[in-house]
Amino acid sequence: MQFLLTLQKTKKSYKWHLSGNKIRGKAKNGKDRGELFDPLTAVSRYTGNGTYDVTKRNRQRAGRSLGISTTLTNTIVGAADAKSNRGSEQVLRGRIKQILGL
């Protein structure tokens, strides 16, 4: 999956951590330094497709800018926020945590 490969490259640009039960990254560079991003908005910012806040609407915009389907975008958002402990969201959450070393 292209998203996960690109997410792996963001390890130098973001300090990744678990905030509560949510996966968040703090930007280390640029004019948004110190701002919090989730995996979807971080990949969008990293690839130069725009900087988006961590809101439902802006996450959908970030997904569209990356060319990701709405279903996959919702799955990534659910995985980053630990909304469900079943199915594909949980599998994707495990992959994201493994890639980011959390």
PDB file of N, CA and C in Angstrom:
ATOM      1  N   MET A   1       0.842  -1.176   0.000  1.00  0.00           N
ATOM      2  CA  MET A   1       0.000   0.000   0.000  1.00  0.00           C
ATOM      3  C   MET A   1       0.888   1.241   0.000  1.00  0.00           C
ATOM      4  N   GLN A   2       0.638   2.107  -0.959  1.00  0.00           N
ATOM      5  CA  GLN A   2       1.453   3.302  -1.149  1.00  0.00           C
ATOM      6  C   GLN A   2       1.405   4.228   0.071  1.00  0.00           C
ATOM      7  N   PHE A   3       0.246   4.312   0.701  1.00  0.00           N
ATOM      8  CA  PHE A   3       0.098   5.187   1.867  1.00  0.00           C
ATOM      9  C   PHE A   3       1.073   4.801   2.974  1.00  0.00           C
ATOM     10  N   LEU A   4       1.169   3.506   3.271  1.00  0.00           N
ATOM     11  CA  LEU A   4       2.047   3.049   4.353  1.00  0.00           C
ATOM     12  C   LEU A   4       3.519   3.265   4.009  1.00  0.00           C
ATOM     13  N   LEU A   5       3.878   3.090   2.739  1.00  0.00           N
ATOM     14  CA  LEU A   5       5.265   3.320   2.330  1.00  0.00           C
ATOM     15  C   LEU A   5       5.638   4.793   2.484  1.00  0.00           C
ATOM     16  N   THR A   6       4.719   5.671   2.121  1.00  0.00           N
ATOM     17  CA  THR A   6       4.979   7.103   2.276  1.00  0.00           C
ATOM     18  C   THR A   6       5.000   7.495   3.750  1.00  0.00           C
ATOM     19  N   LEU A   7       4.117   6.894   4.539  1.00  0.00           N
ATOM     20  CA  LEU A   7       4.077   7.180   5.977  1.00  0.00           C
ATOM     21  C   LEU A   7       5.404   6.817   6.639  1.00  0.00           C
ATOM     22  N   GLN A   8       6.026   5.752   6.177  1.00  0.00           N
ATOM     23  CA  GLN A   8       7.303   5.324   6.745  1.00  0.00           C
ATOM     24  C   GLN A   8       8.387   6.379   6.527  1.00  0.00           C
ATOM     25  N   LYS A   9       8.307   7.110   5.433  1.00  0.00           N
ATOM     26  CA  LYS A   9       9.306   8.138   5.124  1.00  0.00           C
ATOM     27  C   LYS A   9       9.162   9.382   6.000  1.00  0.00           C
ATOM     28  N   THR A  10       8.030   9.518   6.696  1.00  0.00           N
ATOM     29  CA  THR A  10       7.789  10.724   7.498  1.00  0.00           C
ATOM     30  C   THR A  10       8.430  10.661   8.880  1.00  0.00           C
ATOM     31  N   LYS A  11       9.139   9.589   9.190  1.00  0.00           N
ATOM     32  CA  LYS A  11       9.678   9.427  10.547  1.00  0.00           C
ATOM     33  C   LYS A  11      10.675  10.515  10.931  1.00  0.00           C
ATOM     34  N   LYS A  12      11.388  11.090   9.954  1.00  0.00           N
ATOM     35  CA  LYS A  12      12.342  12.151  10.271  1.00  0.00           C
ATOM     36  C   LYS A  12      11.663  13.514  10.392  1.00  0.00           C
ATOM     37  N   SER A  13      10.523  13.669   9.742  1.00  0.00           N
ATOM     38  CA  SER A  13       9.836  14.959   9.720  1.00  0.00           C
ATOM     39  C   SER A  13       8.859  15.151  10.873  1.00  0.00           C
ATOM     40  N   TYR A  14       8.505  14.060  11.544  1.00  0.00           N
ATOM     41  CA  TYR A  14       7.522  14.119  12.626  1.00  0.00           C
ATOM     42  C   TYR A  14       8.008  13.318  13.819  1.00  0.00           C
ATOM     43  N   LYS A  15       7.628  13.768  15.010  1.00  0.00           N
ATOM     44  CA  LYS A  15       7.863  12.979  16.218  1.00  0.00           C
ATOM     45  C   LYS A  15       6.540  12.303  16.543  1.00  0.00           C
ATOM     46  N   TRP A  16       6.460  11.001  16.312  1.00  0.00           N
ATOM     47  CA  TRP A  16       5.212  10.258  16.459  1.00  0.00           C
ATOM     48  C   TRP A  16       5.038   9.779  17.887  1.00  0.00           C
ATOM     49  N   HIS A  17       3.804   9.846  18.388  1.00  0.00           N
ATOM     50  CA  HIS A  17       3.483   9.389  19.739  1.00  0.00           C
ATOM     51  C   HIS A  17       2.000   9.027  19.819  1.00  0.00           C
ATOM     52  N   LEU A  18       1.649   8.386  20.911  1.00  0.00           N
ATOM     53  CA  LEU A  18       0.243   8.086  21.192  1.00  0.00           C
ATOM     54  C   LEU A  18      -0.281   9.147  22.150  1.00  0.00           C
ATOM     55  N   SER A  19      -1.293   9.862  21.734  1.00  0.00           N
ATOM     56  CA  SER A  19      -1.926  10.880  22.556  1.00  0.00           C
ATOM     57  C   SER A  19      -3.262  10.317  23.016  1.00  0.00           C
ATOM     58  N   GLY A  20      -3.309   9.866  24.263  1.00  0.00           N
ATOM     59  CA  GLY A  20      -4.473   9.104  24.706  1.00  0.00           C
ATOM     60  C   GLY A  20      -4.412   7.761  24.011  1.00  0.00           C
ATOM     61  N   ASN A  21      -5.308   7.535  23.090  1.00  0.00           N
ATOM     62  CA  ASN A  21      -5.267   6.319  22.288  1.00  0.00           C
ATOM     63  C   ASN A  21      -5.149   6.659  20.807  1.00  0.00           C
ATOM     64  N   LYS A  22      -4.857   7.921  20.500  1.00  0.00           N
ATOM     65  CA  LYS A  22      -4.803   8.391  19.119  1.00  0.00           C
ATOM     66  C   LYS A  22      -3.357   8.520  18.659  1.00  0.00           C
ATOM     67  N   ILE A  23      -3.116   8.161  17.417  1.00  0.00           N
ATOM     68  CA  ILE A  23      -1.779   8.277  16.838  1.00  0.00           C
ATOM     69  C   ILE A  23      -1.626   9.697  16.305  1.00  0.00           C
ATOM     70  N   ARG A  24      -0.644  10.417  16.822  1.00  0.00           N
ATOM     71  CA  ARG A  24      -0.408  11.795  16.413  1.00  0.00           C
ATOM     72  C   ARG A  24       1.087  12.018  16.204  1.00  0.00           C
ATOM     73  N   GLY A  25       1.393  12.976  15.334  1.00  0.00           N
ATOM     74  CA  GLY A  25       2.777  13.341  15.079  1.00  0.00           C
ATOM     75  C   GLY A  25       2.948  14.839  15.194  1.00  0.00           C
ATOM     76  N   LYS A  26       4.039  15.259  15.807  1.00  0.00           N
ATOM     77  CA  LYS A  26       4.345  16.682  15.935  1.00  0.00           C
ATOM     78  C   LYS A  26       5.370  17.039  14.863  1.00  0.00           C
ATOM     79  N   ALA A  27       5.052  18.033  14.046  1.00  0.00           N
ATOM     80  CA  ALA A  27       5.926  18.438  12.948  1.00  0.00           C
ATOM     81  C   ALA A  27       7.230  19.009  13.491  1.00  0.00           C
ATOM     82  N   LYS A  28       8.344  18.604  12.880  1.00  0.00           N
ATOM     83  CA  LYS A  28       9.660  19.068  13.315  1.00  0.00           C
ATOM     84  C   LYS A  28      10.204  20.191  12.439  1.00  0.00           C
ATOM     85  N   ASN A  29       9.541  20.483  11.314  1.00  0.00           N
ATOM     86  CA  ASN A  29      10.112  21.447  10.380  1.00  0.00           C
ATOM     87  C   ASN A  29       9.023  22.298   9.735  1.00  0.00           C
ATOM     88  N   GLY A  30       9.443  23.323   9.022  1.00  0.00           N
ATOM     89  CA  GLY A  30       8.515  24.160   8.276  1.00  0.00           C
ATOM     90  C   GLY A  30       7.768  25.152   9.148  1.00  0.00           C
ATOM     91  N   LYS A  31       6.867  25.889   8.506  1.00  0.00           N
ATOM     92  CA  LYS A  31       6.121  26.903   9.255  1.00  0.00           C
ATOM     93  C   LYS A  31       5.079  26.289  10.181  1.00  0.00           C
ATOM     94  N   ASP A  32       4.775  25.008  10.004  1.00  0.00           N
ATOM     95  CA  ASP A  32       3.838  24.306  10.884  1.00  0.00           C
ATOM     96  C   ASP A  32       4.555  23.549  11.993  1.00  0.00           C
ATOM     97  N   ARG A  33       5.790  23.900  12.252  1.00  0.00           N
ATOM     98  CA  ARG A  33       6.576  23.221  13.284  1.00  0.00           C
ATOM     99  C   ARG A  33       5.865  23.295  14.634  1.00  0.00           C
ATOM    100  N   GLY A  34       5.760  22.130  15.286  1.00  0.00           N
ATOM    101  CA  GLY A  34       5.108  22.060  16.582  1.00  0.00           C
ATOM    102  C   GLY A  34       3.629  21.732  16.513  1.00  0.00           C
ATOM    103  N   GLU A  35       3.039  21.789  15.319  1.00  0.00           N
ATOM    104  CA  GLU A  35       1.619  21.460  15.158  1.00  0.00           C
ATOM    105  C   GLU A  35       1.430  19.949  15.172  1.00  0.00           C
ATOM    106  N   LEU A  36       0.247  19.503  15.609  1.00  0.00           N
ATOM    107  CA  LEU A  36      -0.069  18.077  15.639  1.00  0.00           C
ATOM    108  C   LEU A  36      -0.791  17.655  14.368  1.00  0.00           C
ATOM    109  N   PHE A  37      -0.404  16.497  13.846  1.00  0.00           N
ATOM    110  CA  PHE A  37      -1.011  15.925  12.657  1.00  0.00           C
ATOM    111  C   PHE A  37      -1.310  14.461  12.919  1.00  0.00           C
ATOM    112  N   ASP A  38      -2.304  13.925  12.216  1.00  0.00           N
ATOM    113  CA  ASP A  38      -2.546  12.486  12.258  1.00  0.00           C
ATOM    114  C   ASP A  38      -1.863  11.880  11.029  1.00  0.00           C
ATOM    115  N   PRO A  39      -1.793  10.560  10.904  1.00  0.00           N
ATOM    116  CA  PRO A  39      -1.068   9.963   9.777  1.00  0.00           C
ATOM    117  C   PRO A  39      -1.538  10.441   8.403  1.00  0.00           C
ATOM    118  N   LEU A  40      -2.831  10.617   8.209  1.00  0.00           N
ATOM    119  CA  LEU A  40      -3.358  11.018   6.906  1.00  0.00           C
ATOM    120  C   LEU A  40      -2.954  12.444   6.547  1.00  0.00           C
ATOM    121  N   THR A  41      -3.138  13.377   7.464  1.00  0.00           N
ATOM    122  CA  THR A  41      -2.783  14.769   7.187  1.00  0.00           C
ATOM    123  C   THR A  41      -1.267  14.945   7.124  1.00  0.00           C
ATOM    124  N   ALA A  42      -0.525  14.125   7.855  1.00  0.00           N
ATOM    125  CA  ALA A  42       0.935  14.200   7.815  1.00  0.00           C
ATOM    126  C   ALA A  42       1.468  13.759   6.457  1.00  0.00           C
ATOM    127  N   VAL A  43       0.910  12.689   5.907  1.00  0.00           N
ATOM    128  CA  VAL A  43       1.347  12.221   4.585  1.00  0.00           C
ATOM    129  C   VAL A  43       0.995  13.254   3.524  1.00  0.00           C
ATOM    130  N   SER A  44      -0.162  13.864   3.638  1.00  0.00           N
ATOM    131  CA  SER A  44      -0.564  14.902   2.692  1.00  0.00           C
ATOM    132  C   SER A  44       0.411  16.078   2.735  1.00  0.00           C
ATOM    133  N   ARG A  45       0.776  16.499   3.931  1.00  0.00           N
ATOM    134  CA  ARG A  45       1.729  17.605   4.086  1.00  0.00           C
ATOM    135  C   ARG A  45       3.106  17.203   3.584  1.00  0.00           C
ATOM    136  N   TYR A  46       3.531  15.990   3.886  1.00  0.00           N
ATOM    137  CA  TYR A  46       4.852  15.505   3.500  1.00  0.00           C
ATOM    138  C   TYR A  46       5.007  15.433   1.978  1.00  0.00           C
ATOM    139  N   THR A  47       3.946  15.012   1.279  1.00  0.00           N
ATOM    140  CA  THR A  47       4.014  14.865  -0.175  1.00  0.00           C
ATOM    141  C   THR A  47       3.745  16.171  -0.914  1.00  0.00           C
ATOM    142  N   GLY A  48       3.443  17.237  -0.187  1.00  0.00           N
ATOM    143  CA  GLY A  48       3.225  18.535  -0.820  1.00  0.00           C
ATOM    144  C   GLY A  48       1.827  18.727  -1.372  1.00  0.00           C
ATOM    145  N   ASN A  49       0.868  17.954  -0.885  1.00  0.00           N
ATOM    146  CA  ASN A  49      -0.513  18.067  -1.353  1.00  0.00           C
ATOM    147  C   ASN A  49      -1.359  18.985  -0.491  1.00  0.00           C
ATOM    148  N   GLY A  50      -0.758  19.724   0.388  1.00  0.00           N
ATOM    149  CA  GLY A  50      -1.503  20.667   1.221  1.00  0.00           C
ATOM    150  C   GLY A  50      -1.407  20.333   2.692  1.00  0.00           C
ATOM    151  N   THR A  51      -1.580  21.354   3.519  1.00  0.00           N
ATOM    152  CA  THR A  51      -1.569  21.199   4.967  1.00  0.00           C
ATOM    153  C   THR A  51      -3.002  21.279   5.464  1.00  0.00           C
ATOM    154  N   TYR A  52      -3.414  20.264   6.202  1.00  0.00           N
ATOM    155  CA  TYR A  52      -4.794  20.175   6.672  1.00  0.00           C
ATOM    156  C   TYR A  52      -4.820  19.996   8.186  1.00  0.00           C
ATOM    157  N   ASP A  53      -5.841  20.584   8.824  1.00  0.00           N
ATOM    158  CA  ASP A  53      -6.056  20.392  10.258  1.00  0.00           C
ATOM    159  C   ASP A  53      -6.607  18.997  10.512  1.00  0.00           C
ATOM    160  N   VAL A  54      -6.580  18.582  11.771  1.00  0.00           N
ATOM    161  CA  VAL A  54      -7.100  17.267  12.145  1.00  0.00           C
ATOM    162  C   VAL A  54      -8.583  17.413  12.485  1.00  0.00           C
ATOM    163  N   THR A  55      -9.403  17.559  11.448  1.00  0.00           N
ATOM    164  CA  THR A  55     -10.856  17.566  11.574  1.00  0.00           C
ATOM    165  C   THR A  55     -11.416  16.595  10.547  1.00  0.00           C
ATOM    166  N   LYS A  56     -12.651  16.195  10.724  1.00  0.00           N
ATOM    167  CA  LYS A  56     -13.245  15.216   9.803  1.00  0.00           C
ATOM    168  C   LYS A  56     -13.248  15.734   8.363  1.00  0.00           C
ATOM    169  N   ARG A  57     -13.678  16.961   8.170  1.00  0.00           N
ATOM    170  CA  ARG A  57     -13.744  17.528   6.820  1.00  0.00           C
ATOM    171  C   ARG A  57     -12.357  17.640   6.189  1.00  0.00           C
ATOM    172  N   ASN A  58     -11.398  18.132   6.951  1.00  0.00           N
ATOM    173  CA  ASN A  58     -10.057  18.302   6.397  1.00  0.00           C
ATOM    174  C   ASN A  58      -9.353  16.973   6.161  1.00  0.00           C
ATOM    175  N   ARG A  59      -9.668  15.961   6.942  1.00  0.00           N
ATOM    176  CA  ARG A  59      -9.100  14.637   6.683  1.00  0.00           C
ATOM    177  C   ARG A  59      -9.625  14.085   5.368  1.00  0.00           C
ATOM    178  N   GLN A  60     -10.915  14.312   5.075  1.00  0.00           N
ATOM    179  CA  GLN A  60     -11.482  13.877   3.798  1.00  0.00           C
ATOM    180  C   GLN A  60     -10.797  14.611   2.643  1.00  0.00           C
ATOM    181  N   ARG A  61     -10.546  15.893   2.818  1.00  0.00           N
ATOM    182  CA  ARG A  61      -9.843  16.671   1.789  1.00  0.00           C
ATOM    183  C   ARG A  61      -8.424  16.148   1.589  1.00  0.00           C
ATOM    184  N   ALA A  62      -7.758  15.830   2.680  1.00  0.00           N
ATOM    185  CA  ALA A  62      -6.397  15.294   2.582  1.00  0.00           C
ATOM    186  C   ALA A  62      -6.400  13.965   1.835  1.00  0.00           C
ATOM    187  N   GLY A  63      -7.374  13.114   2.131  1.00  0.00           N
ATOM    188  CA  GLY A  63      -7.492  11.837   1.428  1.00  0.00           C
ATOM    189  C   GLY A  63      -7.722  12.025  -0.054  1.00  0.00           C
ATOM    190  N   ARG A  64      -8.602  12.966  -0.407  1.00  0.00           N
ATOM    191  CA  ARG A  64      -8.864  13.252  -1.822  1.00  0.00           C
ATOM    192  C   ARG A  64      -7.619  13.791  -2.510  1.00  0.00           C
ATOM    193  N   SER A  65      -6.860  14.639  -1.826  1.00  0.00           N
ATOM    194  CA  SER A  65      -5.653  15.208  -2.437  1.00  0.00           C
ATOM    195  C   SER A  65      -4.593  14.139  -2.684  1.00  0.00           C
ATOM    196  N   LEU A  66      -4.627  13.067  -1.884  1.00  0.00           N
ATOM    197  CA  LEU A  66      -3.687  11.957  -2.066  1.00  0.00           C
ATOM    198  C   LEU A  66      -4.195  10.927  -3.068  1.00  0.00           C
ATOM    199  N   GLY A  67      -5.443  11.064  -3.500  1.00  0.00           N
ATOM    200  CA  GLY A  67      -6.019  10.106  -4.435  1.00  0.00           C
ATOM    201  C   GLY A  67      -6.495   8.831  -3.768  1.00  0.00           C
ATOM    202  N   ILE A  68      -6.816   8.910  -2.486  1.00  0.00           N
ATOM    203  CA  ILE A  68      -7.279   7.749  -1.725  1.00  0.00           C
ATOM    204  C   ILE A  68      -8.807   7.750  -1.722  1.00  0.00           C
ATOM    205  N   SER A  69      -9.402   6.569  -1.829  1.00  0.00           N
ATOM    206  CA  SER A  69     -10.862   6.465  -1.828  1.00  0.00           C
ATOM    207  C   SER A  69     -11.433   6.889  -0.473  1.00  0.00           C
ATOM    208  N   THR A  70     -12.705   7.245  -0.481  1.00  0.00           N
ATOM    209  CA  THR A  70     -13.377   7.677   0.747  1.00  0.00           C
ATOM    210  C   THR A  70     -13.410   6.561   1.782  1.00  0.00           C
ATOM    211  N   THR A  71     -13.626   5.332   1.320  1.00  0.00           N
ATOM    212  CA  THR A  71     -13.677   4.192   2.240  1.00  0.00           C
ATOM    213  C   THR A  71     -12.336   3.988   2.929  1.00  0.00           C
ATOM    214  N   LEU A  72     -11.260   4.036   2.157  1.00  0.00           N
ATOM    215  CA  LEU A  72      -9.931   3.862   2.741  1.00  0.00           C
ATOM    216  C   LEU A  72      -9.586   5.028   3.661  1.00  0.00           C
ATOM    217  N   THR A  73      -9.990   6.230   3.280  1.00  0.00           N
ATOM    218  CA  THR A  73      -9.763   7.397   4.137  1.00  0.00           C
ATOM    219  C   THR A  73     -10.443   7.212   5.488  1.00  0.00           C
ATOM    220  N   ASN A  74     -11.695   6.764   5.468  1.00  0.00           N
ATOM    221  CA  ASN A  74     -12.420   6.533   6.723  1.00  0.00           C
ATOM    222  C   ASN A  74     -11.767   5.435   7.553  1.00  0.00           C
ATOM    223  N   THR A  75     -11.238   4.409   6.897  1.00  0.00           N
ATOM    224  CA  THR A  75     -10.552   3.328   7.608  1.00  0.00           C
ATOM    225  C   THR A  75      -9.270   3.838   8.259  1.00  0.00           C
ATOM    226  N   ILE A  76      -8.523   4.672   7.551  1.00  0.00           N
ATOM    227  CA  ILE A  76      -7.284   5.240   8.099  1.00  0.00           C
ATOM    228  C   ILE A  76      -7.601   6.138   9.296  1.00  0.00           C
ATOM    229  N   VAL A  77      -8.645   6.950   9.174  1.00  0.00           N
ATOM    230  CA  VAL A  77      -9.052   7.831  10.276  1.00  0.00           C
ATOM    231  C   VAL A  77      -9.466   7.004  11.486  1.00  0.00           C
ATOM    232  N   GLY A  78     -10.252   5.954  11.257  1.00  0.00           N
ATOM    233  CA  GLY A  78     -10.679   5.079  12.348  1.00  0.00           C
ATOM    234  C   GLY A  78      -9.513   4.374  13.007  1.00  0.00           C
ATOM    235  N   ALA A  79      -8.524   3.988  12.204  1.00  0.00           N
ATOM    236  CA  ALA A  79      -7.341   3.322  12.748  1.00  0.00           C
ATOM    237  C   ALA A  79      -6.501   4.293  13.577  1.00  0.00           C
ATOM    238  N   ALA A  80      -6.357   5.519  13.109  1.00  0.00           N
ATOM    239  CA  ALA A  80      -5.546   6.506  13.828  1.00  0.00           C
ATOM    240  C   ALA A  80      -6.194   6.919  15.148  1.00  0.00           C
ATOM    241  N   ASP A  81      -7.527   6.912  15.192  1.00  0.00           N
ATOM    242  CA  ASP A  81      -8.243   7.344  16.395  1.00  0.00           C
ATOM    243  C   ASP A  81      -8.721   6.192  17.267  1.00  0.00           C
ATOM    244  N   ALA A  82      -8.441   4.945  16.876  1.00  0.00           N
ATOM    245  CA  ALA A  82      -8.840   3.746  17.626  1.00  0.00           C
ATOM    246  C   ALA A  82     -10.342   3.730  17.883  1.00  0.00           C
ATOM    247  N   LYS A  83     -11.125   3.940  16.831  1.00  0.00           N
ATOM    248  CA  LYS A  83     -12.585   3.966  16.980  1.00  0.00           C
ATOM    249  C   LYS A  83     -13.164   2.574  17.160  1.00  0.00           C
ATOM    250  N   SER A  84     -12.530   1.568  16.570  1.00  0.00           N
ATOM    251  CA  SER A  84     -13.059   0.211  16.645  1.00  0.00           C
ATOM    252  C   SER A  84     -11.910  -0.751  16.903  1.00  0.00           C
ATOM    253  N   ASN A  85     -12.189  -1.821  17.616  1.00  0.00           N
ATOM    254  CA  ASN A  85     -11.145  -2.813  17.845  1.00  0.00           C
ATOM    255  C   ASN A  85     -11.426  -4.080  17.041  1.00  0.00           C
ATOM    256  N   ARG A  86     -12.128  -3.933  15.932  1.00  0.00           N
ATOM    257  CA  ARG A  86     -12.464  -5.072  15.086  1.00  0.00           C
ATOM    258  C   ARG A  86     -12.095  -4.781  13.633  1.00  0.00           C
ATOM    259  N   GLY A  87     -11.812  -5.841  12.903  1.00  0.00           N
ATOM    260  CA  GLY A  87     -11.687  -5.758  11.457  1.00  0.00           C
ATOM    261  C   GLY A  87     -10.483  -5.011  10.934  1.00  0.00           C
ATOM    262  N   SER A  88     -10.681  -4.432   9.753  1.00  0.00           N
ATOM    263  CA  SER A  88      -9.574  -3.841   9.007  1.00  0.00           C
ATOM    264  C   SER A  88      -8.969  -2.629   9.702  1.00  0.00           C
ATOM    265  N   GLU A  89      -9.766  -1.894  10.468  1.00  0.00           N
ATOM    266  CA  GLU A  89      -9.215  -0.739  11.187  1.00  0.00           C
ATOM    267  C   GLU A  89      -8.141  -1.175  12.174  1.00  0.00           C
ATOM    268  N   GLN A  90      -8.391  -2.259  12.881  1.00  0.00           N
ATOM    269  CA  GLN A  90      -7.432  -2.731  13.875  1.00  0.00           C
ATOM    270  C   GLN A  90      -6.162  -3.256  13.205  1.00  0.00           C
ATOM    271  N   VAL A  91      -6.322  -3.940  12.064  1.00  0.00           N
ATOM    272  CA  VAL A  91      -5.160  -4.443  11.323  1.00  0.00           C
ATOM    273  C   VAL A  91      -4.318  -3.275  10.832  1.00  0.00           C
ATOM    274  N   LEU A  92      -4.973  -2.272  10.262  1.00  0.00           N
ATOM    275  CA  LEU A  92      -4.266  -1.096   9.760  1.00  0.00           C
ATOM    276  C   LEU A  92      -3.602  -0.331  10.900  1.00  0.00           C
ATOM    277  N   ARG A  93      -4.269  -0.238  12.045  1.00  0.00           N
ATOM    278  CA  ARG A  93      -3.679   0.438  13.215  1.00  0.00           C
ATOM    279  C   ARG A  93      -2.394  -0.259  13.643  1.00  0.00           C
ATOM    280  N   GLY A  94      -2.410  -1.583  13.653  1.00  0.00           N
ATOM    281  CA  GLY A  94      -1.209  -2.337  13.999  1.00  0.00           C
ATOM    282  C   GLY A  94      -0.078  -2.086  13.024  1.00  0.00           C
ATOM    283  N   ARG A  95      -0.396  -2.016  11.733  1.00  0.00           N
ATOM    284  CA  ARG A  95       0.628  -1.741  10.713  1.00  0.00           C
ATOM    285  C   ARG A  95       1.210  -0.340  10.883  1.00  0.00           C
ATOM    286  N   ILE A  96       0.335   0.629  11.133  1.00  0.00           N
ATOM    287  CA  ILE A  96       0.799   2.008  11.314  1.00  0.00           C
ATOM    288  C   ILE A  96       1.714   2.102  12.532  1.00  0.00           C
ATOM    289  N   LYS A  97       1.315   1.487  13.637  1.00  0.00           N
ATOM    290  CA  LYS A  97       2.142   1.512  14.849  1.00  0.00           C
ATOM    291  C   LYS A  97       3.467   0.799  14.619  1.00  0.00           C
ATOM    292  N   GLN A  98       3.446  -0.282  13.867  1.00  0.00           N
ATOM    293  CA  GLN A  98       4.673  -1.024  13.570  1.00  0.00           C
ATOM    294  C   GLN A  98       5.620  -0.181  12.717  1.00  0.00           C
ATOM    295  N   ILE A  99       5.085   0.479  11.706  1.00  0.00           N
ATOM    296  CA  ILE A  99       5.901   1.309  10.818  1.00  0.00           C
ATOM    297  C   ILE A  99       6.516   2.486  11.569  1.00  0.00           C
ATOM    298  N   LEU A 100       5.727   3.113  12.449  1.00  0.00           N
ATOM    299  CA  LEU A 100       6.198   4.299  13.160  1.00  0.00           C
ATOM    300  C   LEU A 100       6.977   3.968  14.427  1.00  0.00           C
ATOM    301  N   GLY A 101       7.020   2.698  14.798  1.00  0.00           N
ATOM    302  CA  GLY A 101       7.781   2.284  15.971  1.00  0.00           C
ATOM    303  C   GLY A 101       7.123   2.662  17.286  1.00  0.00           C
ATOM    304  N   LEU A 102       5.803   2.614  17.335  1.00  0.00           N
ATOM    305  CA  LEU A 102       5.076   2.963  18.570  1.00  0.00           C
ATOM    306  C   LEU A 102       4.761   1.730  19.378  1.00  0.00           C
TER     307      LEU A 102
END
